[in-house]
Protein backbone atom coordinates (compact mmCIF):
# COMPACT_ATOMS: atom_id res chain seq x y z
CA MET A 1 -36.00 14.83 3.28
CA LYS A 2 -36.58 11.45 1.53
CA LEU A 3 -33.42 9.28 1.58
CA ALA A 4 -34.61 6.82 -1.09
CA ASP A 5 -34.20 10.10 -2.93
CA ILE A 6 -30.86 10.76 -2.81
CA ARG A 7 -28.89 9.01 -5.69
CA ARG A 8 -26.62 10.32 -8.80
CA ASP A 9 -25.28 8.15 -11.17
CA TYR A 10 -21.87 7.11 -12.02
CA LEU A 11 -20.31 8.92 -15.33
CA GLN A 12 -16.40 8.86 -15.07
CA GLY A 13 -15.83 5.47 -16.82
CA GLY A 14 -15.61 1.85 -16.85
CA LEU A 15 -13.13 -0.57 -16.12
CA ARG A 16 -12.31 -3.42 -18.56
CA ARG A 17 -10.03 -6.67 -18.31
CA GLU A 18 -7.47 -5.34 -20.51
CA ASP A 19 -7.27 -2.25 -17.68
CA LEU A 20 -5.98 -4.32 -15.25
CA THR A 21 -2.53 -6.01 -14.17
CA GLU A 22 -1.67 -9.54 -13.40
CA ASP A 23 -0.23 -8.50 -9.98
CA PRO A 24 -3.27 -6.55 -8.30
CA ILE A 25 -1.02 -4.86 -5.69
CA GLU A 26 0.61 -3.09 -8.49
CA PHE A 27 -2.96 -2.11 -9.77
CA PHE A 28 -3.82 -1.14 -6.31
CA ASN A 29 -0.82 0.81 -6.23
CA HIS A 30 -1.92 2.51 -9.60
CA TRP A 31 -5.34 3.65 -8.38
CA LEU A 32 -3.77 4.66 -4.94
CA GLU A 33 -1.27 7.23 -6.91
CA GLN A 34 -4.54 8.56 -8.91
CA ALA A 35 -6.36 8.80 -6.10
CA VAL A 36 -3.17 10.64 -4.41
CA LYS A 37 -3.26 13.02 -7.63
CA ALA A 38 -6.75 13.65 -7.26
CA GLN A 39 -6.29 15.46 -3.79
CA LEU A 40 -8.60 13.18 -2.38
CA THR A 41 -9.22 14.11 1.20
CA ASP A 42 -7.36 10.86 3.14
CA PRO A 43 -7.00 8.51 0.34
CA THR A 44 -4.85 6.31 2.65
CA ALA A 45 -7.83 6.08 4.90
CA MET A 46 -9.53 2.35 5.21
CA THR A 47 -12.32 1.21 6.95
CA THR A 48 -11.24 -2.05 9.30
CA ALA A 49 -13.29 -4.76 10.02
CA THR A 50 -12.91 -7.38 12.70
CA VAL A 51 -15.39 -9.65 14.55
CA ASP A 52 -15.75 -10.33 18.52
CA GLU A 53 -16.19 -13.97 19.65
CA ARG A 54 -19.54 -13.68 19.19
CA GLY A 55 -19.20 -12.90 15.75
CA MET A 56 -20.51 -9.52 15.83
CA PRO A 57 -18.86 -7.35 13.30
CA PHE A 58 -17.03 -4.02 14.01
CA GLN A 59 -15.42 -1.32 11.92
CA ARG A 60 -13.25 1.85 12.06
CA ILE A 61 -11.06 3.81 10.09
CA VAL A 62 -7.33 3.46 9.90
CA LEU A 63 -4.53 4.66 8.01
CA LEU A 64 -2.30 2.45 5.25
CA LYS A 65 0.74 3.33 6.04
CA ASN A 66 2.36 0.76 3.70
CA VAL A 67 1.94 -1.47 1.06
CA ASP A 68 3.98 -3.98 -0.96
CA ALA A 69 4.14 -7.43 -2.35
CA GLN A 70 3.84 -8.80 1.13
CA GLY A 71 0.44 -6.99 2.16
CA PHE A 72 -1.25 -3.68 3.41
CA VAL A 73 0.48 -2.16 7.02
CA PHE A 74 -1.20 0.10 9.76
CA TYR A 75 -0.39 0.10 13.18
CA THR A 76 -2.54 0.41 16.40
CA ASN A 77 -2.23 -0.55 20.38
CA PHE A 78 -2.17 -4.02 20.57
CA GLU A 79 -4.68 -3.49 23.85
CA SER A 80 -7.18 -2.06 21.47
CA ARG A 81 -9.85 -3.76 20.95
CA LYS A 82 -9.43 -4.37 17.25
CA ALA A 83 -6.05 -5.92 18.34
CA LYS A 84 -8.01 -8.45 21.08
CA HIS A 85 -10.22 -9.34 18.19
CA LEU A 86 -7.43 -10.15 15.68
CA GLN A 87 -5.71 -12.11 18.63
CA ASN A 88 -8.73 -14.58 18.37
CA ASN A 89 -9.72 -14.14 15.11
CA PRO A 90 -6.97 -13.18 12.56
CA ASN A 91 -9.48 -12.73 9.59
CA ILE A 92 -9.88 -9.28 8.51
CA SER A 93 -11.42 -6.80 6.13
CA LEU A 94 -10.28 -3.25 4.38
CA HIS A 95 -12.35 -1.11 2.51
CA PHE A 96 -10.96 2.05 0.49
CA PRO A 97 -13.77 4.45 -0.65
CA TRP A 98 -12.73 7.20 -2.95
CA HIS A 99 -16.35 8.15 -3.66
CA PRO A 100 -14.72 11.52 -5.79
CA LEU A 101 -13.15 8.67 -8.32
CA GLU A 102 -16.26 6.53 -7.99
CA ARG A 103 -14.12 3.49 -7.03
CA GLN A 104 -13.76 1.19 -4.19
CA VAL A 105 -11.14 -1.39 -2.96
CA HIS A 106 -12.33 -4.65 -0.89
CA ILE A 107 -9.61 -6.64 0.51
CA THR A 108 -9.60 -9.54 2.52
CA GLY A 109 -6.88 -11.18 4.39
CA ARG A 110 -5.08 -12.49 7.87
CA VAL A 111 -3.15 -10.58 9.72
CA GLU A 112 0.64 -11.01 11.48
CA LYS A 113 2.37 -8.60 13.56
CA LEU A 114 5.21 -6.99 12.04
CA SER A 115 8.94 -7.18 13.56
CA ALA A 116 10.17 -5.31 16.07
CA ALA A 117 12.69 -3.62 13.84
CA GLU A 118 9.90 -2.60 11.57
CA ASN A 119 7.55 -0.89 14.14
CA MET A 120 10.54 0.93 15.78
CA LYS A 121 11.41 2.21 12.16
CA TYR A 122 8.06 3.53 11.55
CA PHE A 123 7.62 4.69 15.41
CA LEU A 124 10.92 6.86 15.31
CA SER A 125 9.33 8.65 11.93
CA ARG A 126 6.53 9.80 13.59
CA PRO A 127 6.00 13.44 14.88
CA HIS A 128 7.11 13.70 18.43
CA GLU A 129 3.82 14.46 19.79
CA SER A 130 2.43 11.31 17.73
CA GLN A 131 5.11 9.03 19.80
CA ILE A 132 3.81 10.57 23.14
CA ALA A 133 0.26 9.89 22.37
CA ALA A 134 0.70 6.16 21.61
CA TRP A 135 2.01 5.96 25.41
CA ALA A 136 -0.87 8.41 26.74
CA SER A 137 -3.93 6.59 25.24
CA LYS A 138 -5.00 3.19 26.41
CA GLN A 139 -6.97 2.48 23.33
CA SER A 140 -10.41 1.56 23.77
CA SER A 141 -10.46 1.60 27.65
CA ARG A 142 -12.83 3.76 29.29
CA ILE A 143 -12.06 7.16 30.52
CA SER A 144 -14.07 9.66 32.99
CA ALA A 145 -13.40 12.99 30.84
CA ARG A 146 -11.40 13.87 28.00
CA GLY A 147 -9.54 15.67 30.39
CA VAL A 148 -7.75 12.54 32.14
CA LEU A 149 -6.37 12.05 28.42
CA GLU A 150 -5.14 15.15 28.05
CA GLY A 151 -3.35 15.33 31.61
CA LYS A 152 -1.81 12.24 30.87
CA PHE A 153 -0.58 13.51 27.81
CA MET A 154 1.03 16.67 28.93
CA GLU A 155 2.58 14.81 31.88
CA LEU A 156 4.38 12.29 29.00
CA LYS A 157 5.31 15.34 27.05
CA GLN A 158 7.29 16.93 30.28
CA LYS A 159 8.71 13.43 30.96
CA PHE A 160 10.05 12.98 27.12
CA GLN A 161 10.84 16.60 26.18
CA GLN A 162 14.49 16.27 26.87
CA GLY A 163 15.00 12.76 25.21
CA GLU A 164 13.98 10.25 22.72
CA VAL A 165 10.48 8.67 23.16
CA PRO A 166 10.80 4.57 23.50
CA VAL A 167 8.53 2.35 21.62
CA PRO A 168 5.81 1.22 23.50
CA ALA A 169 6.04 -2.61 24.12
CA PHE A 170 1.98 -2.37 23.53
CA TRP A 171 2.00 -1.16 20.28
CA GLY A 172 3.16 -2.23 16.85
CA GLY A 173 2.11 -3.14 13.22
CA TYR A 174 0.23 -5.76 11.53
CA ARG A 175 0.54 -6.85 7.49
CA VAL A 176 -2.64 -7.99 6.11
CA ILE A 177 -1.86 -10.43 3.75
CA PRO A 178 -4.53 -10.26 0.90
CA GLU A 179 -6.69 -13.52 0.12
CA SER A 180 -8.82 -11.39 -2.16
CA ILE A 181 -8.88 -8.14 -3.74
CA GLU A 182 -11.82 -6.35 -5.41
CA PHE A 183 -11.97 -3.21 -7.59
CA TRP A 184 -14.87 -1.63 -8.03
CA GLN A 185 -15.51 1.16 -10.83
CA GLY A 186 -18.87 2.93 -10.87
CA GLY A 187 -21.03 3.01 -13.86
CA ALA A 188 -23.99 4.51 -15.64
CA HIS A 189 -27.42 3.25 -14.72
CA ARG A 190 -25.90 1.02 -11.58
CA MET A 191 -24.20 -0.66 -14.51
CA HIS A 192 -21.17 -0.64 -12.49
CA ASP A 193 -17.65 -2.70 -13.23
CA ARG A 194 -16.27 -5.12 -10.41
CA PHE A 195 -13.22 -7.46 -10.78
CA VAL A 196 -11.88 -9.21 -7.95
CA TYR A 197 -8.46 -11.09 -7.76
CA THR A 198 -8.29 -14.47 -5.47
CA ARG A 199 -5.09 -16.29 -4.66
CA GLU A 200 -5.17 -19.79 -5.51
CA ASP A 201 -1.79 -22.15 -5.16
CA ASP A 202 0.08 -18.65 -4.67
CA ALA A 203 -1.29 -17.23 -8.20
CA TRP A 204 -3.65 -14.83 -8.60
CA GLN A 205 -6.74 -15.53 -10.53
CA ILE A 206 -9.13 -12.97 -12.03
CA GLN A 207 -12.78 -12.41 -12.23
CA ARG A 208 -15.56 -10.53 -13.43
CA LEU A 209 -18.81 -10.15 -10.74
CA ALA A 210 -21.90 -8.74 -11.65
CA PRO A 211 -22.78 -5.07 -10.12
């Protein structure tokens, strides 16, 4: 198998300036709705990139849980590796790879923590087992075997089987306040269409980028 020979052309259509809305969040929601209707696997899954204190980048996939005019929201353990990175450097990058639609969205911005009320509202909406899992896993810490994690989960499941699971103090959400949002649509012969929105003086500017 030659990796260099693996290729395909992108033929689903282009993206023109007149297709865009003046608000990138509105256009993102339009594309997200189309991704959901197309029944893509995990349309809210996004690659989330942070950097450590040495400038080494790390990526992982998390799920988008809300998006509005304020920004993009996800939840995590505040003791995780990504949270420690963000504590030292609040800059972040998000990437949505909607390959079947020949689309990508790339977002850069800064994070802010959600309020305790926002965390509680979302936590209480989660399935009971997911609430317990938030307590059971000390995310990014080293464990000797999977059985340790499963044992902790079963212990907490017994503890909370009769009552409400409290929101862990070490768990919550981040809002990504976007500074740039780029929309990429595949094109024939690698002539892709790229438009980037950048925030300038509380207004969004739109530019076309070469592929």
